[in-house]
mmCIF file of all heavy atoms, coordinates in Angstrom:
data_MODEL
# 
_entry.id   MODEL 
# 
loop_
_atom_site.group_PDB 
_atom_site.id 
_atom_site.type_symbol 
_atom_site.label_atom_id 
_atom_site.label_alt_id 
_atom_site.label_comp_id 
_atom_site.label_asym_id 
_atom_site.label_entity_id 
_atom_site.label_seq_id 
_atom_site.pdbx_PDB_ins_code 
_atom_site.Cartn_x 
_atom_site.Cartn_y 
_atom_site.Cartn_z 
_atom_site.occupancy 
_atom_site.B_iso_or_equiv 
_atom_site.pdbx_formal_charge 
_atom_site.auth_seq_id 
_atom_site.auth_comp_id 
_atom_site.auth_asym_id 
_atom_site.auth_atom_id 
_atom_site.pdbx_PDB_model_num 
ATOM 1   N N   . ASP A 1 1  ? -14.579 -9.114  -3.542  1.00 0.00 ? 1  ASP A N   1 
ATOM 2   C CA  . ASP A 1 1  ? -13.451 -10.024 -3.299  1.00 0.00 ? 1  ASP A CA  1 
ATOM 3   C C   . ASP A 1 1  ? -12.516 -10.121 -4.501  1.00 0.00 ? 1  ASP A C   1 
ATOM 4   O O   . ASP A 1 1  ? -11.469 -10.762 -4.421  1.00 0.00 ? 1  ASP A O   1 
ATOM 5   C CB  . ASP A 1 1  ? -13.969 -11.424 -2.938  1.00 0.00 ? 1  ASP A CB  1 
ATOM 6   C CG  . ASP A 1 1  ? -14.662 -11.452 -1.588  1.00 0.00 ? 1  ASP A CG  1 
ATOM 7   O OD1 . ASP A 1 1  ? -14.216 -10.704 -0.689  1.00 0.00 ? 1  ASP A OD1 1 
ATOM 8   O OD2 . ASP A 1 1  ? -15.656 -12.184 -1.433  1.00 0.00 ? 1  ASP A OD2 1 
ATOM 9   N N   . ARG A 1 2  ? -12.883 -9.473  -5.603  1.00 0.00 ? 2  ARG A N   1 
ATOM 10  C CA  . ARG A 1 2  ? -12.070 -9.512  -6.813  1.00 0.00 ? 2  ARG A CA  1 
ATOM 11  C C   . ARG A 1 2  ? -11.350 -8.193  -7.090  1.00 0.00 ? 2  ARG A C   1 
ATOM 12  O O   . ARG A 1 2  ? -10.710 -8.050  -8.133  1.00 0.00 ? 2  ARG A O   1 
ATOM 13  C CB  . ARG A 1 2  ? -12.951 -9.868  -8.019  1.00 0.00 ? 2  ARG A CB  1 
ATOM 14  C CG  . ARG A 1 2  ? -13.586 -11.253 -7.956  1.00 0.00 ? 2  ARG A CG  1 
ATOM 15  C CD  . ARG A 1 2  ? -14.428 -11.552 -9.210  1.00 0.00 ? 2  ARG A CD  1 
ATOM 16  N NE  . ARG A 1 2  ? -13.717 -11.183 -10.420 1.00 0.00 ? 2  ARG A NE  1 
ATOM 17  C CZ  . ARG A 1 2  ? -14.141 -10.254 -11.279 1.00 0.00 ? 2  ARG A CZ  1 
ATOM 18  N NH1 . ARG A 1 2  ? -15.278 -9.598  -11.065 1.00 0.00 ? 2  ARG A NH1 1 
ATOM 19  N NH2 . ARG A 1 2  ? -13.429 -9.970  -12.354 1.00 0.00 ? 2  ARG A NH2 1 
ATOM 20  N N   . TYR A 1 3  ? -11.449 -7.237  -6.190  1.00 0.00 ? 3  TYR A N   1 
ATOM 21  C CA  . TYR A 1 3  ? -10.833 -5.927  -6.444  1.00 0.00 ? 3  TYR A CA  1 
ATOM 22  C C   . TYR A 1 3  ? -9.328  -6.038  -6.706  1.00 0.00 ? 3  TYR A C   1 
ATOM 23  O O   . TYR A 1 3  ? -8.799  -5.397  -7.621  1.00 0.00 ? 3  TYR A O   1 
ATOM 24  C CB  . TYR A 1 3  ? -11.067 -4.985  -5.265  1.00 0.00 ? 3  TYR A CB  1 
ATOM 25  C CG  . TYR A 1 3  ? -12.459 -4.382  -5.199  1.00 0.00 ? 3  TYR A CG  1 
ATOM 26  C CD1 . TYR A 1 3  ? -12.999 -3.992  -3.986  1.00 0.00 ? 3  TYR A CD1 1 
ATOM 27  C CD2 . TYR A 1 3  ? -13.219 -4.186  -6.347  1.00 0.00 ? 3  TYR A CD2 1 
ATOM 28  C CE1 . TYR A 1 3  ? -14.256 -3.421  -3.905  1.00 0.00 ? 3  TYR A CE1 1 
ATOM 29  C CE2 . TYR A 1 3  ? -14.482 -3.623  -6.275  1.00 0.00 ? 3  TYR A CE2 1 
ATOM 30  C CZ  . TYR A 1 3  ? -14.997 -3.237  -5.044  1.00 0.00 ? 3  TYR A CZ  1 
ATOM 31  O OH  . TYR A 1 3  ? -16.236 -2.669  -4.972  1.00 0.00 ? 3  TYR A OH  1 
ATOM 32  N N   . GLU A 1 4  ? -8.629  -6.828  -5.910  1.00 0.00 ? 4  GLU A N   1 
ATOM 33  C CA  . GLU A 1 4  ? -7.189  -6.960  -6.114  1.00 0.00 ? 4  GLU A CA  1 
ATOM 34  C C   . GLU A 1 4  ? -6.876  -7.566  -7.486  1.00 0.00 ? 4  GLU A C   1 
ATOM 35  O O   . GLU A 1 4  ? -5.926  -7.164  -8.160  1.00 0.00 ? 4  GLU A O   1 
ATOM 36  C CB  . GLU A 1 4  ? -6.558  -7.802  -5.004  1.00 0.00 ? 4  GLU A CB  1 
ATOM 37  C CG  . GLU A 1 4  ? -6.439  -7.091  -3.664  1.00 0.00 ? 4  GLU A CG  1 
ATOM 38  C CD  . GLU A 1 4  ? -7.711  -7.118  -2.843  1.00 0.00 ? 4  GLU A CD  1 
ATOM 39  O OE1 . GLU A 1 4  ? -8.702  -7.720  -3.310  1.00 0.00 ? 4  GLU A OE1 1 
ATOM 40  O OE2 . GLU A 1 4  ? -7.731  -6.545  -1.744  1.00 0.00 ? 4  GLU A OE2 1 
ATOM 41  N N   . GLU A 1 5  ? -7.677  -8.533  -7.895  1.00 0.00 ? 5  GLU A N   1 
ATOM 42  C CA  . GLU A 1 5  ? -7.514  -9.128  -9.234  1.00 0.00 ? 5  GLU A CA  1 
ATOM 43  C C   . GLU A 1 5  ? -7.743  -8.077  -10.321 1.00 0.00 ? 5  GLU A C   1 
ATOM 44  O O   . GLU A 1 5  ? -7.021  -8.033  -11.324 1.00 0.00 ? 5  GLU A O   1 
ATOM 45  C CB  . GLU A 1 5  ? -8.509  -10.277 -9.399  1.00 0.00 ? 5  GLU A CB  1 
ATOM 46  C CG  . GLU A 1 5  ? -8.546  -10.895 -10.786 1.00 0.00 ? 5  GLU A CG  1 
ATOM 47  C CD  . GLU A 1 5  ? -9.718  -11.830 -10.981 1.00 0.00 ? 5  GLU A CD  1 
ATOM 48  O OE1 . GLU A 1 5  ? -10.284 -12.307 -9.974  1.00 0.00 ? 5  GLU A OE1 1 
ATOM 49  O OE2 . GLU A 1 5  ? -10.098 -12.066 -12.150 1.00 0.00 ? 5  GLU A OE2 1 
ATOM 50  N N   . MET A 1 6  ? -8.737  -7.233  -10.118 1.00 0.00 ? 6  MET A N   1 
ATOM 51  C CA  . MET A 1 6  ? -9.012  -6.161  -11.095 1.00 0.00 ? 6  MET A CA  1 
ATOM 52  C C   . MET A 1 6  ? -7.833  -5.205  -11.200 1.00 0.00 ? 6  MET A C   1 
ATOM 53  O O   . MET A 1 6  ? -7.424  -4.808  -12.300 1.00 0.00 ? 6  MET A O   1 
ATOM 54  C CB  . MET A 1 6  ? -10.269 -5.387  -10.672 1.00 0.00 ? 6  MET A CB  1 
ATOM 55  C CG  . MET A 1 6  ? -11.544 -6.195  -10.669 1.00 0.00 ? 6  MET A CG  1 
ATOM 56  S SD  . MET A 1 6  ? -12.926 -5.221  -10.008 1.00 0.00 ? 6  MET A SD  1 
ATOM 57  C CE  . MET A 1 6  ? -14.157 -6.496  -9.771  1.00 0.00 ? 6  MET A CE  1 
ATOM 58  N N   . ILE A 1 7  ? -7.276  -4.827  -10.052 1.00 0.00 ? 7  ILE A N   1 
ATOM 59  C CA  . ILE A 1 7  ? -6.130  -3.910  -10.031 1.00 0.00 ? 7  ILE A CA  1 
ATOM 60  C C   . ILE A 1 7  ? -4.945  -4.525  -10.767 1.00 0.00 ? 7  ILE A C   1 
ATOM 61  O O   . ILE A 1 7  ? -4.210  -3.840  -11.486 1.00 0.00 ? 7  ILE A O   1 
ATOM 62  C CB  . ILE A 1 7  ? -5.764  -3.560  -8.577  1.00 0.00 ? 7  ILE A CB  1 
ATOM 63  C CG1 . ILE A 1 7  ? -6.889  -2.743  -7.936  1.00 0.00 ? 7  ILE A CG1 1 
ATOM 64  C CG2 . ILE A 1 7  ? -4.452  -2.788  -8.505  1.00 0.00 ? 7  ILE A CG2 1 
ATOM 65  C CD1 . ILE A 1 7  ? -6.750  -2.563  -6.440  1.00 0.00 ? 7  ILE A CD1 1 
ATOM 66  N N   . GLU A 1 8  ? -4.767  -5.830  -10.600 1.00 0.00 ? 8  GLU A N   1 
ATOM 67  C CA  . GLU A 1 8  ? -3.644  -6.535  -11.207 1.00 0.00 ? 8  GLU A CA  1 
ATOM 68  C C   . GLU A 1 8  ? -3.790  -6.652  -12.727 1.00 0.00 ? 8  GLU A C   1 
ATOM 69  O O   . GLU A 1 8  ? -2.809  -6.540  -13.468 1.00 0.00 ? 8  GLU A O   1 
ATOM 70  C CB  . GLU A 1 8  ? -3.531  -7.939  -10.594 1.00 0.00 ? 8  GLU A CB  1 
ATOM 71  C CG  . GLU A 1 8  ? -2.388  -8.784  -11.130 1.00 0.00 ? 8  GLU A CG  1 
ATOM 72  C CD  . GLU A 1 8  ? -1.021  -8.297  -10.654 1.00 0.00 ? 8  GLU A CD  1 
ATOM 73  O OE1 . GLU A 1 8  ? -0.954  -7.607  -9.618  1.00 0.00 ? 8  GLU A OE1 1 
ATOM 74  O OE2 . GLU A 1 8  ? -0.025  -8.615  -11.342 1.00 0.00 ? 8  GLU A OE2 1 
ATOM 75  N N   . ASN A 1 9  ? -5.015  -6.855  -13.202 1.00 0.00 ? 9  ASN A N   1 
ATOM 76  C CA  . ASN A 1 9  ? -5.211  -7.219  -14.608 1.00 0.00 ? 9  ASN A CA  1 
ATOM 77  C C   . ASN A 1 9  ? -5.891  -6.164  -15.479 1.00 0.00 ? 9  ASN A C   1 
ATOM 78  O O   . ASN A 1 9  ? -5.789  -6.238  -16.707 1.00 0.00 ? 9  ASN A O   1 
ATOM 79  C CB  . ASN A 1 9  ? -6.034  -8.507  -14.685 1.00 0.00 ? 9  ASN A CB  1 
ATOM 80  C CG  . ASN A 1 9  ? -5.323  -9.690  -14.060 1.00 0.00 ? 9  ASN A CG  1 
ATOM 81  O OD1 . ASN A 1 9  ? -4.186  -10.005 -14.415 1.00 0.00 ? 9  ASN A OD1 1 
ATOM 82  N ND2 . ASN A 1 9  ? -5.978  -10.349 -13.113 1.00 0.00 ? 9  ASN A ND2 1 
ATOM 83  N N   . TYR A 1 10 ? -6.565  -5.215  -14.867 1.00 0.00 ? 10 TYR A N   1 
ATOM 84  C CA  . TYR A 1 10 ? -7.356  -4.282  -15.671 1.00 0.00 ? 10 TYR A CA  1 
ATOM 85  C C   . TYR A 1 10 ? -7.075  -2.837  -15.261 1.00 0.00 ? 10 TYR A C   1 
ATOM 86  O O   . TYR A 1 10 ? -6.079  -2.560  -14.598 1.00 0.00 ? 10 TYR A O   1 
ATOM 87  C CB  . TYR A 1 10 ? -8.849  -4.621  -15.544 1.00 0.00 ? 10 TYR A CB  1 
ATOM 88  C CG  . TYR A 1 10 ? -9.173  -6.033  -15.957 1.00 0.00 ? 10 TYR A CG  1 
ATOM 89  C CD1 . TYR A 1 10 ? -9.557  -6.987  -15.004 1.00 0.00 ? 10 TYR A CD1 1 
ATOM 90  C CD2 . TYR A 1 10 ? -9.077  -6.431  -17.282 1.00 0.00 ? 10 TYR A CD2 1 
ATOM 91  C CE1 . TYR A 1 10 ? -9.835  -8.294  -15.371 1.00 0.00 ? 10 TYR A CE1 1 
ATOM 92  C CE2 . TYR A 1 10 ? -9.362  -7.743  -17.662 1.00 0.00 ? 10 TYR A CE2 1 
ATOM 93  C CZ  . TYR A 1 10 ? -9.730  -8.664  -16.705 1.00 0.00 ? 10 TYR A CZ  1 
ATOM 94  O OH  . TYR A 1 10 ? -9.998  -9.956  -17.069 1.00 0.00 ? 10 TYR A OH  1 
ATOM 95  N N   . HIS A 1 11 ? -7.958  -1.932  -15.635 1.00 0.00 ? 11 HIS A N   1 
ATOM 96  C CA  . HIS A 1 11 ? -7.728  -0.519  -15.373 1.00 0.00 ? 11 HIS A CA  1 
ATOM 97  C C   . HIS A 1 11 ? -9.069  0.212   -15.316 1.00 0.00 ? 11 HIS A C   1 
ATOM 98  O O   . HIS A 1 11 ? -10.084 -0.277  -15.844 1.00 0.00 ? 11 HIS A O   1 
ATOM 99  C CB  . HIS A 1 11 ? -6.857  0.088   -16.488 1.00 0.00 ? 11 HIS A CB  1 
ATOM 100 C CG  . HIS A 1 11 ? -7.425  -0.126  -17.856 1.00 0.00 ? 11 HIS A CG  1 
ATOM 101 N ND1 . HIS A 1 11 ? -8.428  0.664   -18.396 1.00 0.00 ? 11 HIS A ND1 1 
ATOM 102 C CD2 . HIS A 1 11 ? -7.153  -1.063  -18.806 1.00 0.00 ? 11 HIS A CD2 1 
ATOM 103 C CE1 . HIS A 1 11 ? -8.738  0.238   -19.595 1.00 0.00 ? 11 HIS A CE1 1 
ATOM 104 N NE2 . HIS A 1 11 ? -7.982  -0.824  -19.887 1.00 0.00 ? 11 HIS A NE2 1 
ATOM 105 N N   . PRO A 1 12 ? -9.118  1.379   -14.692 1.00 0.00 ? 12 PRO A N   1 
ATOM 106 C CA  . PRO A 1 12 ? -10.364 2.153   -14.654 1.00 0.00 ? 12 PRO A CA  1 
ATOM 107 C C   . PRO A 1 12 ? -10.812 2.551   -16.058 1.00 0.00 ? 12 PRO A C   1 
ATOM 108 O O   . PRO A 1 12 ? -10.008 2.632   -16.987 1.00 0.00 ? 12 PRO A O   1 
ATOM 109 C CB  . PRO A 1 12 ? -9.980  3.390   -13.827 1.00 0.00 ? 12 PRO A CB  1 
ATOM 110 C CG  . PRO A 1 12 ? -8.771  2.984   -13.058 1.00 0.00 ? 12 PRO A CG  1 
ATOM 111 C CD  . PRO A 1 12 ? -8.037  2.023   -13.934 1.00 0.00 ? 12 PRO A CD  1 
ATOM 112 N N   . GLY A 1 13 ? -12.094 2.803   -16.187 1.00 0.00 ? 13 GLY A N   1 
ATOM 113 C CA  . GLY A 1 13 ? -12.640 3.236   -17.460 1.00 0.00 ? 13 GLY A CA  1 
ATOM 114 C C   . GLY A 1 13 ? -13.455 2.172   -18.161 1.00 0.00 ? 13 GLY A C   1 
ATOM 115 O O   . GLY A 1 13 ? -14.115 2.454   -19.165 1.00 0.00 ? 13 GLY A O   1 
ATOM 116 N N   . LEU A 1 14 ? -13.428 0.944   -17.650 1.00 0.00 ? 14 LEU A N   1 
ATOM 117 C CA  . LEU A 1 14 ? -14.139 -0.163  -18.293 1.00 0.00 ? 14 LEU A CA  1 
ATOM 118 C C   . LEU A 1 14 ? -15.605 -0.222  -17.863 1.00 0.00 ? 14 LEU A C   1 
ATOM 119 O O   . LEU A 1 14 ? -16.484 -0.525  -18.657 1.00 0.00 ? 14 LEU A O   1 
ATOM 120 C CB  . LEU A 1 14 ? -13.446 -1.489  -17.989 1.00 0.00 ? 14 LEU A CB  1 
ATOM 121 C CG  . LEU A 1 14 ? -11.992 -1.585  -18.490 1.00 0.00 ? 14 LEU A CG  1 
ATOM 122 C CD1 . LEU A 1 14 ? -11.312 -2.830  -17.928 1.00 0.00 ? 14 LEU A CD1 1 
ATOM 123 C CD2 . LEU A 1 14 ? -11.961 -1.591  -20.015 1.00 0.00 ? 14 LEU A CD2 1 
ATOM 124 N N   . GLY A 1 15 ? -15.867 0.005   -16.587 1.00 0.00 ? 15 GLY A N   1 
ATOM 125 C CA  . GLY A 1 15 ? -17.228 0.117   -16.088 1.00 0.00 ? 15 GLY A CA  1 
ATOM 126 C C   . GLY A 1 15 ? -17.991 -1.172  -15.908 1.00 0.00 ? 15 GLY A C   1 
ATOM 127 O O   . GLY A 1 15 ? -19.096 -1.173  -15.367 1.00 0.00 ? 15 GLY A O   1 
ATOM 128 N N   . ASP A 1 16 ? -17.414 -2.307  -16.338 1.00 0.00 ? 16 ASP A N   1 
ATOM 129 C CA  . ASP A 1 16 ? -18.143 -3.574  -16.291 1.00 0.00 ? 16 ASP A CA  1 
ATOM 130 C C   . ASP A 1 16 ? -17.567 -4.495  -15.219 1.00 0.00 ? 16 ASP A C   1 
ATOM 131 O O   . ASP A 1 16 ? -16.996 -4.028  -14.238 1.00 0.00 ? 16 ASP A O   1 
ATOM 132 C CB  . ASP A 1 16 ? -18.141 -4.234  -17.667 1.00 0.00 ? 16 ASP A CB  1 
ATOM 133 C CG  . ASP A 1 16 ? -16.719 -4.425  -18.232 1.00 0.00 ? 16 ASP A CG  1 
ATOM 134 O OD1 . ASP A 1 16 ? -15.754 -4.379  -17.446 1.00 0.00 ? 16 ASP A OD1 1 
ATOM 135 O OD2 . ASP A 1 16 ? -16.579 -4.616  -19.458 1.00 0.00 ? 16 ASP A OD2 1 
ATOM 136 N N   . HIS A 1 17 ? -17.685 -5.819  -15.413 1.00 0.00 ? 17 HIS A N   1 
ATOM 137 C CA  . HIS A 1 17 ? -17.211 -6.778  -14.426 1.00 0.00 ? 17 HIS A CA  1 
ATOM 138 C C   . HIS A 1 17 ? -15.704 -6.684  -14.202 1.00 0.00 ? 17 HIS A C   1 
ATOM 139 O O   . HIS A 1 17 ? -15.201 -7.118  -13.167 1.00 0.00 ? 17 HIS A O   1 
ATOM 140 C CB  . HIS A 1 17 ? -17.570 -8.207  -14.859 1.00 0.00 ? 17 HIS A CB  1 
ATOM 141 C CG  . HIS A 1 17 ? -16.897 -8.630  -16.133 1.00 0.00 ? 17 HIS A CG  1 
ATOM 142 N ND1 . HIS A 1 17 ? -17.320 -8.206  -17.375 1.00 0.00 ? 17 HIS A ND1 1 
ATOM 143 C CD2 . HIS A 1 17 ? -15.806 -9.423  -16.354 1.00 0.00 ? 17 HIS A CD2 1 
ATOM 144 C CE1 . HIS A 1 17 ? -16.538 -8.728  -18.302 1.00 0.00 ? 17 HIS A CE1 1 
ATOM 145 N NE2 . HIS A 1 17 ? -15.618 -9.470  -17.721 1.00 0.00 ? 17 HIS A NE2 1 
ATOM 146 N N   . ARG A 1 18 ? -14.980 -6.097  -15.158 1.00 0.00 ? 18 ARG A N   1 
ATOM 147 C CA  . ARG A 1 18 ? -13.530 -5.966  -15.010 1.00 0.00 ? 18 ARG A CA  1 
ATOM 148 C C   . ARG A 1 18 ? -13.150 -4.795  -14.107 1.00 0.00 ? 18 ARG A C   1 
ATOM 149 O O   . ARG A 1 18 ? -12.065 -4.817  -13.502 1.00 0.00 ? 18 ARG A O   1 
ATOM 150 C CB  . ARG A 1 18 ? -12.887 -5.788  -16.393 1.00 0.00 ? 18 ARG A CB  1 
ATOM 151 C CG  . ARG A 1 18 ? -13.066 -6.978  -17.316 1.00 0.00 ? 18 ARG A CG  1 
ATOM 152 C CD  . ARG A 1 18 ? -12.698 -6.625  -18.741 1.00 0.00 ? 18 ARG A CD  1 
ATOM 153 N NE  . ARG A 1 18 ? -13.601 -5.619  -19.307 1.00 0.00 ? 18 ARG A NE  1 
ATOM 154 C CZ  . ARG A 1 18 ? -13.464 -5.079  -20.511 1.00 0.00 ? 18 ARG A CZ  1 
ATOM 155 N NH1 . ARG A 1 18 ? -12.440 -5.451  -21.278 1.00 0.00 ? 18 ARG A NH1 1 
ATOM 156 N NH2 . ARG A 1 18 ? -14.335 -4.189  -20.957 1.00 0.00 ? 18 ARG A NH2 1 
ATOM 157 N N   . TRP A 1 19 ? -14.032 -3.793  -14.036 1.00 0.00 ? 19 TRP A N   1 
ATOM 158 C CA  . TRP A 1 19 ? -13.792 -2.620  -13.183 1.00 0.00 ? 19 TRP A CA  1 
ATOM 159 C C   . TRP A 1 19 ? -15.133 -1.888  -13.071 1.00 0.00 ? 19 TRP A C   1 
ATOM 160 O O   . TRP A 1 19 ? -15.438 -1.008  -13.869 1.00 0.00 ? 19 TRP A O   1 
ATOM 161 C CB  . TRP A 1 19 ? -12.720 -1.711  -13.790 1.00 0.00 ? 19 TRP A CB  1 
ATOM 162 C CG  . TRP A 1 19 ? -12.073 -0.805  -12.784 1.00 0.00 ? 19 TRP A CG  1 
ATOM 163 C CD1 . TRP A 1 19 ? -12.640 0.259   -12.149 1.00 0.00 ? 19 TRP A CD1 1 
ATOM 164 C CD2 . TRP A 1 19 ? -10.732 -0.891  -12.274 1.00 0.00 ? 19 TRP A CD2 1 
ATOM 165 N NE1 . TRP A 1 19 ? -11.751 0.838   -11.278 1.00 0.00 ? 19 TRP A NE1 1 
ATOM 166 C CE2 . TRP A 1 19 ? -10.572 0.160   -11.342 1.00 0.00 ? 19 TRP A CE2 1 
ATOM 167 C CE3 . TRP A 1 19 ? -9.656  -1.739  -12.526 1.00 0.00 ? 19 TRP A CE3 1 
ATOM 168 C CZ2 . TRP A 1 19 ? -9.381  0.372   -10.659 1.00 0.00 ? 19 TRP A CZ2 1 
ATOM 169 C CZ3 . TRP A 1 19 ? -8.468  -1.530  -11.841 1.00 0.00 ? 19 TRP A CZ3 1 
ATOM 170 C CH2 . TRP A 1 19 ? -8.331  -0.488  -10.927 1.00 0.00 ? 19 TRP A CH2 1 
ATOM 171 N N   . PRO A 1 20 ? -15.963 -2.246  -12.102 1.00 0.00 ? 20 PRO A N   1 
ATOM 172 C CA  . PRO A 1 20 ? -17.364 -1.804  -12.081 1.00 0.00 ? 20 PRO A CA  1 
ATOM 173 C C   . PRO A 1 20 ? -17.546 -0.308  -11.855 1.00 0.00 ? 20 PRO A C   1 
ATOM 174 O O   . PRO A 1 20 ? -16.915 0.278   -10.980 1.00 0.00 ? 20 PRO A O   1 
ATOM 175 C CB  . PRO A 1 20 ? -17.948 -2.605  -10.920 1.00 0.00 ? 20 PRO A CB  1 
ATOM 176 C CG  . PRO A 1 20 ? -16.774 -2.884  -10.025 1.00 0.00 ? 20 PRO A CG  1 
ATOM 177 C CD  . PRO A 1 20 ? -15.607 -3.081  -10.948 1.00 0.00 ? 20 PRO A CD  1 
ATOM 178 N N   . LEU A 1 21 ? -18.436 0.265   -12.653 1.00 0.00 ? 21 LEU A N   1 
ATOM 179 C CA  . LEU A 1 21 ? -18.763 1.673   -12.463 1.00 0.00 ? 21 LEU A CA  1 
ATOM 180 C C   . LEU A 1 21 ? -19.375 1.905   -11.082 1.00 0.00 ? 21 LEU A C   1 
ATOM 181 O O   . LEU A 1 21 ? -19.003 2.836   -10.367 1.00 0.00 ? 21 LEU A O   1 
ATOM 182 C CB  . LEU A 1 21 ? -19.754 2.131   -13.541 1.00 0.00 ? 21 LEU A CB  1 
ATOM 183 C CG  . LEU A 1 21 ? -20.356 3.524   -13.369 1.00 0.00 ? 21 LEU A CG  1 
ATOM 184 C CD1 . LEU A 1 21 ? -19.278 4.598   -13.369 1.00 0.00 ? 21 LEU A CD1 1 
ATOM 185 C CD2 . LEU A 1 21 ? -21.405 3.798   -14.428 1.00 0.00 ? 21 LEU A CD2 1 
ATOM 186 N N   . VAL A 1 22 ? -20.329 1.057   -10.713 1.00 0.00 ? 22 VAL A N   1 
ATOM 187 C CA  . VAL A 1 22 ? -21.023 1.177   -9.422  1.00 0.00 ? 22 VAL A CA  1 
ATOM 188 C C   . VAL A 1 22 ? -20.948 -0.146  -8.682  1.00 0.00 ? 22 VAL A C   1 
ATOM 189 O O   . VAL A 1 22 ? -21.165 -1.206  -9.274  1.00 0.00 ? 22 VAL A O   1 
ATOM 190 C CB  . VAL A 1 22 ? -22.508 1.566   -9.637  1.00 0.00 ? 22 VAL A CB  1 
ATOM 191 C CG1 . VAL A 1 22 ? -23.284 1.492   -8.326  1.00 0.00 ? 22 VAL A CG1 1 
ATOM 192 C CG2 . VAL A 1 22 ? -22.620 2.964   -10.244 1.00 0.00 ? 22 VAL A CG2 1 
ATOM 193 N N   . THR A 1 23 ? -20.625 -0.077  -7.404  1.00 0.00 ? 23 THR A N   1 
ATOM 194 C CA  . THR A 1 23 ? -20.736 -1.238  -6.522  1.00 0.00 ? 23 THR A CA  1 
ATOM 195 C C   . THR A 1 23 ? -21.894 -0.965  -5.573  1.00 0.00 ? 23 THR A C   1 
ATOM 196 O O   . THR A 1 23 ? -21.886 0.033   -4.856  1.00 0.00 ? 23 THR A O   1 
ATOM 197 C CB  . THR A 1 23 ? -19.440 -1.481  -5.727  1.00 0.00 ? 23 THR A CB  1 
ATOM 198 O OG1 . THR A 1 23 ? -18.365 -1.746  -6.642  1.00 0.00 ? 23 THR A OG1 1 
ATOM 199 C CG2 . THR A 1 23 ? -19.596 -2.675  -4.794  1.00 0.00 ? 23 THR A CG2 1 
ATOM 200 N N   . HIS A 1 24 ? -22.881 -1.841  -5.609  1.00 0.00 ? 24 HIS A N   1 
ATOM 201 C CA  . HIS A 1 24 ? -24.135 -1.620  -4.882  1.00 0.00 ? 24 HIS A CA  1 
ATOM 202 C C   . HIS A 1 24 ? -24.294 -2.685  -3.803  1.00 0.00 ? 24 HIS A C   1 
ATOM 203 O O   . HIS A 1 24 ? -24.335 -3.883  -4.102  1.00 0.00 ? 24 HIS A O   1 
ATOM 204 C CB  . HIS A 1 24 ? -25.294 -1.686  -5.886  1.00 0.00 ? 24 HIS A CB  1 
ATOM 205 C CG  . HIS A 1 24 ? -26.615 -1.316  -5.305  1.00 0.00 ? 24 HIS A CG  1 
ATOM 206 N ND1 . HIS A 1 24 ? -27.798 -1.499  -5.989  1.00 0.00 ? 24 HIS A ND1 1 
ATOM 207 C CD2 . HIS A 1 24 ? -26.957 -0.750  -4.112  1.00 0.00 ? 24 HIS A CD2 1 
ATOM 208 C CE1 . HIS A 1 24 ? -28.804 -1.068  -5.251  1.00 0.00 ? 24 HIS A CE1 1 
ATOM 209 N NE2 . HIS A 1 24 ? -28.317 -0.629  -4.107  1.00 0.00 ? 24 HIS A NE2 1 
ATOM 210 N N   . PHE A 1 25 ? -24.399 -2.238  -2.567  1.00 0.00 ? 25 PHE A N   1 
ATOM 211 C CA  . PHE A 1 25 ? -24.458 -3.155  -1.424  1.00 0.00 ? 25 PHE A CA  1 
ATOM 212 C C   . PHE A 1 25 ? -25.898 -3.563  -1.126  1.00 0.00 ? 25 PHE A C   1 
ATOM 213 O O   . PHE A 1 25 ? -26.433 -3.308  -0.046  1.00 0.00 ? 25 PHE A O   1 
ATOM 214 C CB  . PHE A 1 25 ? -23.760 -2.533  -0.226  1.00 0.00 ? 25 PHE A CB  1 
ATOM 215 C CG  . PHE A 1 25 ? -22.266 -2.534  -0.363  1.00 0.00 ? 25 PHE A CG  1 
ATOM 216 C CD1 . PHE A 1 25 ? -21.616 -1.521  -1.050  1.00 0.00 ? 25 PHE A CD1 1 
ATOM 217 C CD2 . PHE A 1 25 ? -21.512 -3.579  0.139   1.00 0.00 ? 25 PHE A CD2 1 
ATOM 218 C CE1 . PHE A 1 25 ? -20.236 -1.529  -1.210  1.00 0.00 ? 25 PHE A CE1 1 
ATOM 219 C CE2 . PHE A 1 25 ? -20.138 -3.609  -0.011  1.00 0.00 ? 25 PHE A CE2 1 
ATOM 220 C CZ  . PHE A 1 25 ? -19.499 -2.584  -0.689  1.00 0.00 ? 25 PHE A CZ  1 
ATOM 221 N N   . VAL A 1 26 ? -26.497 -4.240  -2.092  1.00 0.00 ? 26 VAL A N   1 
ATOM 222 C CA  . VAL A 1 26 ? -27.861 -4.745  -1.959  1.00 0.00 ? 26 VAL A CA  1 
ATOM 223 C C   . VAL A 1 26 ? -27.936 -5.729  -0.795  1.00 0.00 ? 26 VAL A C   1 
ATOM 224 O O   . VAL A 1 26 ? -27.096 -6.624  -0.684  1.00 0.00 ? 26 VAL A O   1 
ATOM 225 C CB  . VAL A 1 26 ? -28.291 -5.447  -3.266  1.00 0.00 ? 26 VAL A CB  1 
ATOM 226 C CG1 . VAL A 1 26 ? -29.704 -5.998  -3.132  1.00 0.00 ? 26 VAL A CG1 1 
ATOM 227 C CG2 . VAL A 1 26 ? -28.197 -4.491  -4.444  1.00 0.00 ? 26 VAL A CG2 1 
ATOM 228 N N   . GLY A 1 27 ? -28.942 -5.574  0.050   1.00 0.00 ? 27 GLY A N   1 
ATOM 229 C CA  . GLY A 1 27 ? -29.128 -6.508  1.160   1.00 0.00 ? 27 GLY A CA  1 
ATOM 230 C C   . GLY A 1 27 ? -28.355 -6.161  2.404   1.00 0.00 ? 27 GLY A C   1 
ATOM 231 O O   . GLY A 1 27 ? -28.539 -6.791  3.449   1.00 0.00 ? 27 GLY A O   1 
ATOM 232 N N   . CYS A 1 28 ? -27.476 -5.169  2.323   1.00 0.00 ? 28 CYS A N   1 
ATOM 233 C CA  . CYS A 1 28 ? -26.745 -4.708  3.510   1.00 0.00 ? 28 CYS A CA  1 
ATOM 234 C C   . CYS A 1 28 ? -27.552 -3.602  4.185   1.00 0.00 ? 28 CYS A C   1 
ATOM 235 O O   . CYS A 1 28 ? -27.859 -2.579  3.553   1.00 0.00 ? 28 CYS A O   1 
ATOM 236 C CB  . CYS A 1 28 ? -25.370 -4.162  3.118   1.00 0.00 ? 28 CYS A CB  1 
ATOM 237 S SG  . CYS A 1 28 ? -24.119 -5.438  2.893   1.00 0.00 ? 28 CYS A SG  1 
# 
């Protein structure tokens, strides 16, 4: 739900909460 916020404020290459390297759909 924060992807749009990430696009607005950050950039690829960070890998952390600002732009996650992996998004894991645990429980789905």
